[in-house]
Every structure is written in structure tokens, then in C-alpha cells.
Amino acid sequence: MRAKISQQHGAPCEQNLPRYSGTAARIINVAEVLFVEFGLQATSLRLITQQAGVNLAAVNYHFRSKDALFAAVFTRRFAPWACACLRELDTLEERAAAGAAHMSVEEVVMCYVRPTLALSRDPARGGAMFARLFSRVLVENHRQLRQMLADDWGHMVTRFTQALAHALPALGAEEVIWRLHVGFSVMFHAFAGNDILKVFGRSVVSARDPDLIVKYVVPFVVAGMSASAGTTHAVRNGLVRSQGPGGRRRAPVVKLRAVAAPASDGGGSEGNGRRARAATGTSQVSRARGAAPVGTRLKGKS
């Protein structure tokens, strides 16, 4: 029987997390909003104390430093979510071992999605703000927090990797970890509510609607993770074939019809052949340099 998740690797779950109240709760709640909005580096302790209505001594007393405060803000949201994901995985593995469930890619993905969806719907547990906070951790170089994640939660990645490998026995270890990386990155980015289409103009999607995210993103991720091993090889081989020596991309070969010479040219069929070969060679160079093909320019002038 597997040990309880809360007892694994010293990772804290709900029952082992500190409970904040009074001044400490006011500090950590304000700090969370400011860290999400401005990041760790741009958020000063002075700004936190001003917004929370406390003095610097109170922050030092409850959290010792800004780095420790940031770690506390992150851990109180991350630990319950991570434990919920692992409990889902525990249940799936136990049901699969008893023959009551199939260890499929979709089931493994849902072990991540269900806790994330529940969290995003619950403002008391951070809601979508947690995903945005996690984004800050990925972008900013917070060594203390990253080391804590590696020490206390590295086994979470191992567990999901093993589950996905079990669901995709035909894939090698490298392929499995890449699919886990890409698939979970897509889902995490989606749950963070980042609407990339707004960068280029008006967006018609509801990027912060968790139910729509599940509806559209999960089937996309499951399909990508479940693709046959030959799909990756075919794409990779196609890229290799499109490159020349030294990895440089070949200029596309453009086949042009021989342009009939005017009667006054006197070149005959031999002249036509020379002109067609010259046009073909020039078109390759033009395509490689981004210019319009010679055939196009000739046609425009005729």
C-alpha cells in the first residue's frame, strides 16, 4: 500500500500547512495580489506594508524576509493543488490495478484537470490567480522557491511521467517526457487565462472561462499526447528532407513551362530550351532570396 501523499518526500499538504489569521493573513493576502501584478522583484516590502496597513516589523516577525513571504504565498496555493492531483493519480492507479479503470491518456490528463478546474472555480483557494502566480515563478529566477519545488515536489513529475508512459507503452522515455511537457504547458497556460489573440487584435474567445478551457483544450491535448509514435518521426523526417547540407534549407525547385520565342528571335527549339533552363535556375535563386519567381515577372510583362 502506497504511503499517504502527505507523508511522501516531506511535501506539505493541507493538514501540514500553516494557518494564517489576523495580521499574518492580511500580509499574505495583500502580498499575493501584488506579487501576481508586479512580480517578486518589482514588489517592495514598503509597498506590501502600505497596502496591508502594517509596519515592517510585522512582516519580519511573521515571514522573516520578502523571499520567505513569496515562498509562503506560493506554497499555500500550490501544495493543496499538487496533493489533489496526486490523490487523483492514486485513485486512477488503484482502479487500474483492480481492473476497474483503464490507464488511458485522457484519464491521466484528467488527474491534472479536475483539481485545476476545482481550484479555478474557488476564489477562496486562489482561483485563476494561482496559475498567474505560478507563471511568475516560471519567469522570475527565484532560486529558493525553485529548489523547494525540486526537493519537495519533484516526485509529482515522476509520478505523472510514469502514468503517461504506462498509457503510451509504444513510446520511448524521451518522447513521453516531451509530450508531458508540451501538453501540461498548454493546459497550464490556458488555465492562467492568457489570451494570446488579444495581442493581435480583438479576441472572440473567453480565455478565463475554465469550463470552456476544459471543453476545447483537453481534447486538443489528449489528441496530441495520444498521437502514434510514427507521427513524430514523420514530421522530423520531413524537416530533414527539406534541408540541404549543413542543415541549410534547400531552395524549392520550380518547374516552368518553356516560353515560346517570338518568330523574330530565330532561336528555334534549341533557343527555347536554353531559355526554359535559365528561367528555372533563376527562379530557384529568386525563391531563396524571397523575390517573385521569374516566371511570374515574365507573365506580367507579356
C-alpha atoms as a PDB file:
ATOM      1  CA  MET A   1       0.000   0.000   0.000  1.00  0.00           C
ATOM      2  CA  ARG A   2       1.464   3.371  -1.027  1.00  0.00           C
ATOM      3  CA  ALA A   3       2.148   5.786   1.784  1.00  0.00           C
ATOM      4  CA  LYS A   4      -0.147   8.757   2.071  1.00  0.00           C
ATOM      5  CA  ILE A   5       0.837  11.622  -0.152  1.00  0.00           C
ATOM      6  CA  SER A   6       1.267  13.983   2.776  1.00  0.00           C
ATOM      7  CA  GLN A   7       3.950  11.655   4.141  1.00  0.00           C
ATOM      8  CA  GLN A   8       5.931  11.417   0.894  1.00  0.00           C
ATOM      9  CA  HIS A   9       9.179  13.336   0.462  1.00  0.00           C
ATOM     10  CA  GLY A  10       8.265  15.712   3.281  1.00  0.00           C
ATOM     11  CA  ALA A  11       5.873  17.540   0.939  1.00  0.00           C
ATOM     12  CA  PRO A  12       3.271  19.557   2.867  1.00  0.00           C
ATOM     13  CA  CYS A  13      -0.397  19.003   2.135  1.00  0.00           C
ATOM     14  CA  GLU A  14      -3.435  20.740   3.576  1.00  0.00           C
ATOM     15  CA  GLN A  15      -3.133  19.322   7.067  1.00  0.00           C
ATOM     16  CA  ASN A  16       0.538  20.285   7.302  1.00  0.00           C
ATOM     17  CA  LEU A  17       0.277  23.853   6.012  1.00  0.00           C
ATOM     18  CA  PRO A  18       0.379  26.794   8.428  1.00  0.00           C
ATOM     19  CA  ARG A  19      -2.902  28.585   9.112  1.00  0.00           C
ATOM     20  CA  TYR A  20      -2.757  32.345   8.761  1.00  0.00           C
ATOM     21  CA  SER A  21      -5.011  34.714  10.657  1.00  0.00           C
ATOM     22  CA  GLY A  22      -5.074  38.311  11.797  1.00  0.00           C
ATOM     23  CA  THR A  23      -2.054  40.346  10.739  1.00  0.00           C
ATOM     24  CA  ALA A  24      -0.294  37.427   9.035  1.00  0.00           C
ATOM     25  CA  ALA A  25      -3.352  36.707   6.884  1.00  0.00           C
ATOM     26  CA  ARG A  26      -3.649  40.364   5.913  1.00  0.00           C
ATOM     27  CA  ILE A  27       0.015  40.471   4.895  1.00  0.00           C
ATOM     28  CA  ILE A  28      -0.044  37.283   2.831  1.00  0.00           C
ATOM     29  CA  ASN A  29      -3.323  38.160   1.089  1.00  0.00           C
ATOM     30  CA  VAL A  30      -2.058  41.586   0.045  1.00  0.00           C
ATOM     31  CA  ALA A  31       1.335  40.194  -0.944  1.00  0.00           C
ATOM     32  CA  GLU A  32      -0.296  37.603  -3.205  1.00  0.00           C
ATOM     33  CA  VAL A  33      -2.144  40.250  -5.218  1.00  0.00           C
ATOM     34  CA  LEU A  34       0.953  42.443  -5.520  1.00  0.00           C
ATOM     35  CA  PHE A  35       3.271  39.584  -6.468  1.00  0.00           C
ATOM     36  CA  VAL A  36       0.883  38.491  -9.222  1.00  0.00           C
ATOM     37  CA  GLU A  37       0.512  42.032 -10.553  1.00  0.00           C
ATOM     38  CA  PHE A  38       4.103  43.266 -10.319  1.00  0.00           C
ATOM     39  CA  GLY A  39       6.302  40.213  -9.721  1.00  0.00           C
ATOM     40  CA  LEU A  40       8.756  39.491  -6.949  1.00  0.00           C
ATOM     41  CA  GLN A  41      11.472  41.949  -7.915  1.00  0.00           C
ATOM     42  CA  ALA A  42       9.174  44.925  -8.514  1.00  0.00           C
ATOM     43  CA  THR A  43       7.175  44.418  -5.316  1.00  0.00           C
ATOM     44  CA  SER A  44       8.856  46.070  -2.344  1.00  0.00           C
ATOM     45  CA  LEU A  45       8.216  45.341   1.309  1.00  0.00           C
ATOM     46  CA  ARG A  46       7.296  49.001   1.700  1.00  0.00           C
ATOM     47  CA  LEU A  47       4.501  48.591  -0.858  1.00  0.00           C
ATOM     48  CA  ILE A  48       3.259  45.463   0.918  1.00  0.00           C
ATOM     49  CA  THR A  49       3.242  47.138   4.330  1.00  0.00           C
ATOM     50  CA  GLN A  50       1.445  50.196   2.951  1.00  0.00           C
ATOM     51  CA  GLN A  51      -1.272  48.135   1.265  1.00  0.00           C
ATOM     52  CA  ALA A  52      -1.677  45.796   4.249  1.00  0.00           C
ATOM     53  CA  GLY A  53      -1.650  48.620   6.803  1.00  0.00           C
ATOM     54  CA  VAL A  54       1.146  47.087   8.879  1.00  0.00           C
ATOM     55  CA  ASN A  55       4.727  48.003   9.723  1.00  0.00           C
ATOM     56  CA  LEU A  56       7.910  46.321   8.506  1.00  0.00           C
ATOM     57  CA  ALA A  57       8.464  44.676  11.879  1.00  0.00           C
ATOM     58  CA  ALA A  58       5.213  42.719  11.443  1.00  0.00           C
ATOM     59  CA  VAL A  59       6.383  41.303   8.103  1.00  0.00           C
ATOM     60  CA  ASN A  60       9.760  40.333   9.573  1.00  0.00           C
ATOM     61  CA  TYR A  61       8.098  38.761  12.598  1.00  0.00           C
ATOM     62  CA  HIS A  62       5.678  36.561  10.605  1.00  0.00           C
ATOM     63  CA  PHE A  63       7.700  35.832   7.458  1.00  0.00           C
ATOM     64  CA  ARG A  64      11.344  36.920   8.128  1.00  0.00           C
ATOM     65  CA  SER A  65      12.016  38.235   4.572  1.00  0.00           C
ATOM     66  CA  LYS A  66      10.412  39.062   1.223  1.00  0.00           C
ATOM     67  CA  ASP A  67      11.735  35.820  -0.311  1.00  0.00           C
ATOM     68  CA  ALA A  68      10.236  33.781   2.521  1.00  0.00           C
ATOM     69  CA  LEU A  69       6.952  35.686   2.154  1.00  0.00           C
ATOM     70  CA  PHE A  70       6.845  34.912  -1.571  1.00  0.00           C
ATOM     71  CA  ALA A  71       7.514  31.220  -0.854  1.00  0.00           C
ATOM     72  CA  ALA A  72       4.692  31.206   1.706  1.00  0.00           C
ATOM     73  CA  VAL A  73       2.296  32.867  -0.748  1.00  0.00           C
ATOM     74  CA  PHE A  74       3.100  30.273  -3.382  1.00  0.00           C
ATOM     75  CA  THR A  75       3.126  27.197  -1.137  1.00  0.00           C
ATOM     76  CA  ARG A  76      -0.290  27.812   0.397  1.00  0.00           C
ATOM     77  CA  ARG A  77      -1.814  27.658  -3.109  1.00  0.00           C
ATOM     78  CA  PHE A  78       0.452  25.114  -4.763  1.00  0.00           C
ATOM     79  CA  ALA A  79       0.587  22.403  -2.081  1.00  0.00           C
ATOM     80  CA  PRO A  80      -3.188  21.702  -1.842  1.00  0.00           C
ATOM     81  CA  TRP A  81      -3.472  21.669  -5.640  1.00  0.00           C
ATOM     82  CA  ALA A  82      -0.484  19.340  -6.095  1.00  0.00           C
ATOM     83  CA  CYS A  83      -1.762  16.977  -3.418  1.00  0.00           C
ATOM     84  CA  ALA A  84      -5.183  16.896  -5.076  1.00  0.00           C
ATOM     85  CA  CYS A  85      -3.536  15.960  -8.411  1.00  0.00           C
ATOM     86  CA  LEU A  86      -1.592  13.160  -6.755  1.00  0.00           C
ATOM     87  CA  ARG A  87      -4.692  11.862  -4.970  1.00  0.00           C
ATOM     88  CA  GLU A  88      -6.440  11.686  -8.348  1.00  0.00           C
ATOM     89  CA  LEU A  89      -3.481   9.747  -9.697  1.00  0.00           C
ATOM     90  CA  ASP A  90      -3.505   7.422  -6.682  1.00  0.00           C
ATOM     91  CA  THR A  91      -7.181   6.656  -7.292  1.00  0.00           C
ATOM     92  CA  LEU A  92      -6.648   6.021 -11.005  1.00  0.00           C
ATOM     93  CA  GLU A  93      -3.718   3.676 -10.394  1.00  0.00           C
ATOM     94  CA  GLU A  94      -5.640   1.742  -7.733  1.00  0.00           C
ATOM     95  CA  ARG A  95      -8.681   1.377 -10.019  1.00  0.00           C
ATOM     96  CA  ALA A  96      -6.474   0.322 -12.938  1.00  0.00           C
ATOM     97  CA  ALA A  97      -4.734  -2.292 -10.783  1.00  0.00           C
ATOM     98  CA  ALA A  98      -8.145  -3.665  -9.747  1.00  0.00           C
ATOM     99  CA  GLY A  99      -9.315  -3.765 -13.358  1.00  0.00           C
ATOM    100  CA  ALA A 100     -11.968  -1.110 -12.743  1.00  0.00           C
ATOM    101  CA  ALA A 101     -10.379   1.546 -14.963  1.00  0.00           C
ATOM    102  CA  HIS A 102      -8.103   1.829 -17.970  1.00  0.00           C
ATOM    103  CA  MET A 103      -4.872   3.818 -17.674  1.00  0.00           C
ATOM    104  CA  SER A 104      -5.568   5.973 -20.719  1.00  0.00           C
ATOM    105  CA  VAL A 105      -4.040   9.298 -21.735  1.00  0.00           C
ATOM    106  CA  GLU A 106      -7.353  11.051 -21.104  1.00  0.00           C
ATOM    107  CA  GLU A 107      -7.606   9.649 -17.584  1.00  0.00           C
ATOM    108  CA  VAL A 108      -4.049  10.758 -16.782  1.00  0.00           C
ATOM    109  CA  VAL A 109      -4.755  14.252 -18.130  1.00  0.00           C
ATOM    110  CA  MET A 110      -7.947  14.499 -16.077  1.00  0.00           C
ATOM    111  CA  CYS A 111      -5.924  13.818 -12.915  1.00  0.00           C
ATOM    112  CA  TYR A 112      -4.423  17.240 -13.607  1.00  0.00           C
ATOM    113  CA  VAL A 113      -7.539  18.918 -14.976  1.00  0.00           C
ATOM    114  CA  ARG A 114     -10.073  18.119 -12.254  1.00  0.00           C
ATOM    115  CA  PRO A 115      -8.099  19.688  -9.376  1.00  0.00           C
ATOM    116  CA  THR A 116      -7.148  22.647 -11.583  1.00  0.00           C
ATOM    117  CA  LEU A 117     -10.760  23.215 -12.564  1.00  0.00           C
ATOM    118  CA  ALA A 118     -11.909  22.998  -8.939  1.00  0.00           C
ATOM    119  CA  LEU A 119      -9.218  25.483  -7.901  1.00  0.00           C
ATOM    120  CA  SER A 120     -10.050  27.943 -10.680  1.00  0.00           C
ATOM    121  CA  ARG A 121     -13.692  27.982  -9.542  1.00  0.00           C
ATOM    122  CA  ASP A 122     -12.856  28.696  -5.909  1.00  0.00           C
ATOM    123  CA  PRO A 123     -11.711  32.279  -5.173  1.00  0.00           C
ATOM    124  CA  ALA A 124     -11.084  31.300  -1.543  1.00  0.00           C
ATOM    125  CA  ARG A 125      -8.295  28.987  -2.763  1.00  0.00           C
ATOM    126  CA  GLY A 126      -6.795  31.490  -5.142  1.00  0.00           C
ATOM    127  CA  GLY A 127      -8.866  30.851  -8.256  1.00  0.00           C
ATOM    128  CA  ALA A 128      -7.167  31.679 -11.544  1.00  0.00           C
ATOM    129  CA  MET A 129      -4.726  33.872  -9.608  1.00  0.00           C
ATOM    130  CA  PHE A 130      -2.767  30.758  -8.649  1.00  0.00           C
ATOM    131  CA  ALA A 131      -1.943  29.952 -12.275  1.00  0.00           C
ATOM    132  CA  ARG A 132      -0.814  33.548 -12.824  1.00  0.00           C
ATOM    133  CA  LEU A 133       1.293  33.326  -9.679  1.00  0.00           C
ATOM    134  CA  PHE A 134       2.874  30.105 -10.935  1.00  0.00           C
ATOM    135  CA  SER A 135       3.659  31.905 -14.191  1.00  0.00           C
ATOM    136  CA  ARG A 136       5.698  34.384 -12.179  1.00  0.00           C
ATOM    137  CA  VAL A 137       7.714  31.543 -10.695  1.00  0.00           C
ATOM    138  CA  LEU A 138       8.488  30.212 -14.164  1.00  0.00           C
ATOM    139  CA  VAL A 139       9.552  33.631 -15.458  1.00  0.00           C
ATOM    140  CA  GLU A 140      11.450  35.030 -12.479  1.00  0.00           C
ATOM    141  CA  ASN A 141      14.602  33.479 -11.078  1.00  0.00           C
ATOM    142  CA  HIS A 142      13.507  32.645  -7.534  1.00  0.00           C
ATOM    143  CA  ARG A 143      16.191  30.145  -6.590  1.00  0.00           C
ATOM    144  CA  GLN A 144      14.895  29.373  -3.102  1.00  0.00           C
ATOM    145  CA  LEU A 145      11.421  28.530  -4.362  1.00  0.00           C
ATOM    146  CA  ARG A 146      12.641  26.516  -7.340  1.00  0.00           C
ATOM    147  CA  GLN A 147      14.873  24.474  -5.074  1.00  0.00           C
ATOM    148  CA  MET A 148      11.935  23.836  -2.773  1.00  0.00           C
ATOM    149  CA  LEU A 149       9.828  22.656  -5.719  1.00  0.00           C
ATOM    150  CA  ALA A 150      12.586  20.290  -6.857  1.00  0.00           C
ATOM    151  CA  ASP A 151      13.136  18.892  -3.367  1.00  0.00           C
ATOM    152  CA  ASP A 152       9.525  18.564  -2.211  1.00  0.00           C
ATOM    153  CA  TRP A 153       7.583  18.108  -5.441  1.00  0.00           C
ATOM    154  CA  GLY A 154       9.932  16.532  -7.989  1.00  0.00           C
ATOM    155  CA  HIS A 155       8.182  13.215  -7.361  1.00  0.00           C
ATOM    156  CA  MET A 156       4.974  14.706  -8.796  1.00  0.00           C
ATOM    157  CA  VAL A 157       6.581  14.973 -12.237  1.00  0.00           C
ATOM    158  CA  THR A 158       7.949  11.440 -11.844  1.00  0.00           C
ATOM    159  CA  ARG A 159       4.516  10.062 -10.997  1.00  0.00           C
ATOM    160  CA  PHE A 160       2.797  11.687 -13.972  1.00  0.00           C
ATOM    161  CA  THR A 161       5.612  10.643 -16.299  1.00  0.00           C
ATOM    162  CA  GLN A 162       5.267   7.026 -15.181  1.00  0.00           C
ATOM    163  CA  ALA A 163       1.480   7.135 -15.589  1.00  0.00           C
ATOM    164  CA  LEU A 164       1.737   8.580 -19.097  1.00  0.00           C
ATOM    165  CA  ALA A 165       4.383   6.009 -20.041  1.00  0.00           C
ATOM    166  CA  HIS A 166       2.001   3.281 -18.871  1.00  0.00           C
ATOM    167  CA  ALA A 167      -0.748   4.761 -21.049  1.00  0.00           C
ATOM    168  CA  LEU A 168       1.609   5.030 -24.054  1.00  0.00           C
ATOM    169  CA  PRO A 169       3.719   1.841 -23.958  1.00  0.00           C
ATOM    170  CA  ALA A 170       4.818   2.205 -27.597  1.00  0.00           C
ATOM    171  CA  LEU A 171       6.687   5.453 -26.920  1.00  0.00           C
ATOM    172  CA  GLY A 172      10.233   5.870 -25.656  1.00  0.00           C
ATOM    173  CA  ALA A 173      11.125   7.732 -22.471  1.00  0.00           C
ATOM    174  CA  GLU A 174      12.222  10.902 -24.270  1.00  0.00           C
ATOM    175  CA  GLU A 175       9.005  11.062 -26.307  1.00  0.00           C
ATOM    176  CA  VAL A 176       6.864  10.592 -23.188  1.00  0.00           C
ATOM    177  CA  ILE A 177       8.532  13.376 -21.200  1.00  0.00           C
ATOM    178  CA  TRP A 178       8.294  15.763 -24.159  1.00  0.00           C
ATOM    179  CA  ARG A 179       4.576  15.068 -24.561  1.00  0.00           C
ATOM    180  CA  LEU A 180       4.039  15.592 -20.850  1.00  0.00           C
ATOM    181  CA  HIS A 181       5.988  18.857 -21.004  1.00  0.00           C
ATOM    182  CA  VAL A 182       4.126  20.254 -24.020  1.00  0.00           C
ATOM    183  CA  GLY A 183       0.674  19.015 -23.022  1.00  0.00           C
ATOM    184  CA  PHE A 184       0.793  20.265 -19.446  1.00  0.00           C
ATOM    185  CA  SER A 185       2.362  23.555 -20.546  1.00  0.00           C
ATOM    186  CA  VAL A 186      -0.560  24.164 -22.903  1.00  0.00           C
ATOM    187  CA  MET A 187      -3.121  23.406 -20.193  1.00  0.00           C
ATOM    188  CA  PHE A 188      -1.370  25.474 -17.569  1.00  0.00           C
ATOM    189  CA  HIS A 189      -1.059  28.452 -19.926  1.00  0.00           C
ATOM    190  CA  ALA A 190      -4.762  28.129 -20.795  1.00  0.00           C
ATOM    191  CA  PHE A 191      -5.892  27.996 -17.154  1.00  0.00           C
ATOM    192  CA  ALA A 192      -3.784  31.092 -16.433  1.00  0.00           C
ATOM    193  CA  GLY A 193      -6.263  32.998 -18.610  1.00  0.00           C
ATOM    194  CA  ASN A 194      -3.678  34.349 -21.042  1.00  0.00           C
ATOM    195  CA  ASP A 195      -5.441  35.357 -24.272  1.00  0.00           C
ATOM    196  CA  ILE A 196      -2.703  35.445 -26.904  1.00  0.00           C
ATOM    197  CA  LEU A 197      -5.147  36.530 -29.615  1.00  0.00           C
ATOM    198  CA  LYS A 198      -5.684  39.868 -27.859  1.00  0.00           C
ATOM    199  CA  VAL A 199      -2.089  40.761 -28.680  1.00  0.00           C
ATOM    200  CA  PHE A 200      -3.059  40.830 -32.356  1.00  0.00           C
ATOM    201  CA  GLY A 201      -6.472  42.430 -32.030  1.00  0.00           C
ATOM    202  CA  ARG A 202      -9.892  41.637 -30.722  1.00  0.00           C
ATOM    203  CA  SER A 203     -10.383  38.113 -29.410  1.00  0.00           C
ATOM    204  CA  VAL A 204     -13.642  36.197 -29.530  1.00  0.00           C
ATOM    205  CA  VAL A 205     -12.680  33.504 -27.015  1.00  0.00           C
ATOM    206  CA  SER A 206     -13.430  33.547 -23.294  1.00  0.00           C
ATOM    207  CA  ALA A 207      -9.896  32.808 -22.174  1.00  0.00           C
ATOM    208  CA  ARG A 208     -10.765  32.958 -18.469  1.00  0.00           C
ATOM    209  CA  ASP A 209     -13.783  30.657 -18.556  1.00  0.00           C
ATOM    210  CA  PRO A 210     -12.499  27.391 -17.018  1.00  0.00           C
ATOM    211  CA  ASP A 211     -15.362  25.302 -18.411  1.00  0.00           C
ATOM    212  CA  LEU A 212     -14.638  26.453 -21.959  1.00  0.00           C
ATOM    213  CA  ILE A 213     -10.947  25.777 -21.411  1.00  0.00           C
ATOM    214  CA  VAL A 214     -11.745  22.185 -20.484  1.00  0.00           C
ATOM    215  CA  LYS A 215     -14.151  21.855 -23.422  1.00  0.00           C
ATOM    216  CA  TYR A 216     -11.665  22.980 -26.064  1.00  0.00           C
ATOM    217  CA  VAL A 217      -8.187  22.464 -24.641  1.00  0.00           C
ATOM    218  CA  VAL A 218      -8.434  18.997 -23.108  1.00  0.00           C
ATOM    219  CA  PRO A 219      -9.456  17.159 -26.331  1.00  0.00           C
ATOM    220  CA  PHE A 220      -6.673  19.010 -28.163  1.00  0.00           C
ATOM    221  CA  VAL A 221      -4.055  17.985 -25.588  1.00  0.00           C
ATOM    222  CA  VAL A 222      -5.275  14.380 -25.369  1.00  0.00           C
ATOM    223  CA  ALA A 223      -5.170  14.032 -29.151  1.00  0.00           C
ATOM    224  CA  GLY A 224      -1.625  15.379 -29.283  1.00  0.00           C
ATOM    225  CA  MET A 225      -0.397  13.179 -26.461  1.00  0.00           C
ATOM    226  CA  SER A 226      -2.066  10.120 -27.977  1.00  0.00           C
ATOM    227  CA  ALA A 227      -0.611  10.548 -31.467  1.00  0.00           C
ATOM    228  CA  SER A 228       1.204   7.484 -32.751  1.00  0.00           C
ATOM    229  CA  ALA A 229       4.975   7.337 -32.497  1.00  0.00           C
ATOM    230  CA  GLY A 230       5.198   7.455 -36.285  1.00  0.00           C
ATOM    231  CA  THR A 231       3.701  10.960 -36.294  1.00  0.00           C
ATOM    232  CA  THR A 232       6.741  12.481 -34.628  1.00  0.00           C
ATOM    233  CA  HIS A 233       9.147  10.555 -36.859  1.00  0.00           C
ATOM    234  CA  ALA A 234       7.271  11.617 -39.986  1.00  0.00           C
ATOM    235  CA  VAL A 235       7.426  15.282 -39.044  1.00  0.00           C
ATOM    236  CA  ARG A 236      11.097  15.054 -38.117  1.00  0.00           C
ATOM    237  CA  ASN A 237      11.964  13.215 -41.324  1.00  0.00           C
ATOM    238  CA  GLY A 238      10.062  15.781 -43.359  1.00  0.00           C
ATOM    239  CA  LEU A 239      12.115  18.578 -41.810  1.00  0.00           C
ATOM    240  CA  VAL A 240      15.353  16.725 -42.505  1.00  0.00           C
ATOM    241  CA  ARG A 241      14.440  16.137 -46.143  1.00  0.00           C
ATOM    242  CA  SER A 242      13.656  19.843 -46.613  1.00  0.00           C
ATOM    243  CA  GLN A 243      17.169  20.799 -45.522  1.00  0.00           C
ATOM    244  CA  GLY A 244      20.345  20.685 -47.529  1.00  0.00           C
ATOM    245  CA  PRO A 245      23.937  20.032 -46.424  1.00  0.00           C
ATOM    246  CA  GLY A 246      24.822  21.511 -43.062  1.00  0.00           C
ATOM    247  CA  GLY A 247      21.157  21.845 -42.076  1.00  0.00           C
ATOM    248  CA  ARG A 248      20.531  24.722 -44.521  1.00  0.00           C
ATOM    249  CA  ARG A 249      17.128  24.769 -46.126  1.00  0.00           C
ATOM    250  CA  ARG A 250      17.116  23.940 -49.832  1.00  0.00           C
ATOM    251  CA  ALA A 251      15.647  26.396 -52.312  1.00  0.00           C
ATOM    252  CA  PRO A 252      12.464  24.905 -53.765  1.00  0.00           C
ATOM    253  CA  VAL A 253      12.749  23.575 -57.313  1.00  0.00           C
ATOM    254  CA  VAL A 254      10.310  25.421 -59.562  1.00  0.00           C
ATOM    255  CA  LYS A 255       9.395  23.811 -62.859  1.00  0.00           C
ATOM    256  CA  LEU A 256       8.378  26.280 -65.575  1.00  0.00           C
ATOM    257  CA  ARG A 257       6.967  25.628 -68.983  1.00  0.00           C
ATOM    258  CA  ALA A 258       9.177  26.667 -71.888  1.00  0.00           C
ATOM    259  CA  VAL A 259       8.147  30.126 -73.035  1.00  0.00           C
ATOM    260  CA  ALA A 260       7.612  30.145 -76.809  1.00  0.00           C
ATOM    261  CA  ALA A 261      10.040  32.532 -78.513  1.00  0.00           C
ATOM    262  CA  PRO A 262       8.743  35.149 -80.891  1.00  0.00           C
ATOM    263  CA  ALA A 263       9.193  34.295 -84.582  1.00  0.00           C
ATOM    264  CA  SER A 264      11.761  37.070 -84.997  1.00  0.00           C
ATOM    265  CA  ASP A 265      14.032  35.595 -82.329  1.00  0.00           C
ATOM    266  CA  GLY A 266      15.387  32.955 -84.620  1.00  0.00           C
ATOM    267  CA  GLY A 267      16.324  30.784 -81.670  1.00  0.00           C
ATOM    268  CA  GLY A 268      14.244  27.815 -82.695  1.00  0.00           C
ATOM    269  CA  SER A 269      13.613  24.926 -80.328  1.00  0.00           C
ATOM    270  CA  GLU A 270      17.190  24.977 -79.070  1.00  0.00           C
ATOM    271  CA  GLY A 271      16.798  28.613 -78.000  1.00  0.00           C
ATOM    272  CA  ASN A 272      13.547  27.766 -76.220  1.00  0.00           C
ATOM    273  CA  GLY A 273      15.244  25.018 -74.265  1.00  0.00           C
ATOM    274  CA  ARG A 274      18.050  27.326 -73.155  1.00  0.00           C
ATOM    275  CA  ARG A 275      15.576  29.993 -72.034  1.00  0.00           C
ATOM    276  CA  ALA A 276      13.473  27.479 -70.089  1.00  0.00           C
ATOM    277  CA  ARG A 277      16.532  26.097 -68.274  1.00  0.00           C
ATOM    278  CA  ALA A 278      17.761  29.605 -67.464  1.00  0.00           C
ATOM    279  CA  ALA A 279      14.332  30.638 -66.142  1.00  0.00           C
ATOM    280  CA  THR A 280      14.169  27.531 -63.926  1.00  0.00           C
ATOM    281  CA  GLY A 281      17.600  28.174 -62.396  1.00  0.00           C
ATOM    282  CA  THR A 282      16.847  31.868 -61.822  1.00  0.00           C
ATOM    283  CA  SER A 283      13.520  31.007 -60.172  1.00  0.00           C
ATOM    284  CA  GLN A 284      15.307  28.836 -57.590  1.00  0.00           C
ATOM    285  CA  VAL A 285      17.574  31.735 -56.651  1.00  0.00           C
ATOM    286  CA  SER A 286      14.669  34.194 -56.583  1.00  0.00           C
ATOM    287  CA  ARG A 287      12.640  31.940 -54.256  1.00  0.00           C
ATOM    288  CA  ALA A 288      15.613  31.511 -51.937  1.00  0.00           C
ATOM    289  CA  ARG A 289      16.045  35.312 -51.724  1.00  0.00           C
ATOM    290  CA  GLY A 290      12.353  35.996 -51.266  1.00  0.00           C
ATOM    291  CA  ALA A 291      11.877  37.622 -54.706  1.00  0.00           C
ATOM    292  CA  ALA A 292       8.998  36.899 -57.091  1.00  0.00           C
ATOM    293  CA  PRO A 293       9.722  33.955 -59.423  1.00  0.00           C
ATOM    294  CA  VAL A 294      10.967  34.859 -62.885  1.00  0.00           C
ATOM    295  CA  GLY A 295       8.041  33.088 -64.466  1.00  0.00           C
ATOM    296  CA  THR A 296       5.691  35.451 -62.605  1.00  0.00           C
ATOM    297  CA  ARG A 297       7.556  38.528 -63.789  1.00  0.00           C
ATOM    298  CA  LEU A 298       7.682  37.290 -67.391  1.00  0.00           C
ATOM    299  CA  LYS A 299       3.992  36.607 -67.374  1.00  0.00           C
ATOM    300  CA  GLY A 300       3.250  40.079 -66.059  1.00  0.00           C
ATOM    301  CA  LYS A 301       5.233  41.666 -68.899  1.00  0.00           C
ATOM    302  CA  SER A 302       3.790  39.584 -71.726  1.00  0.00           C
END
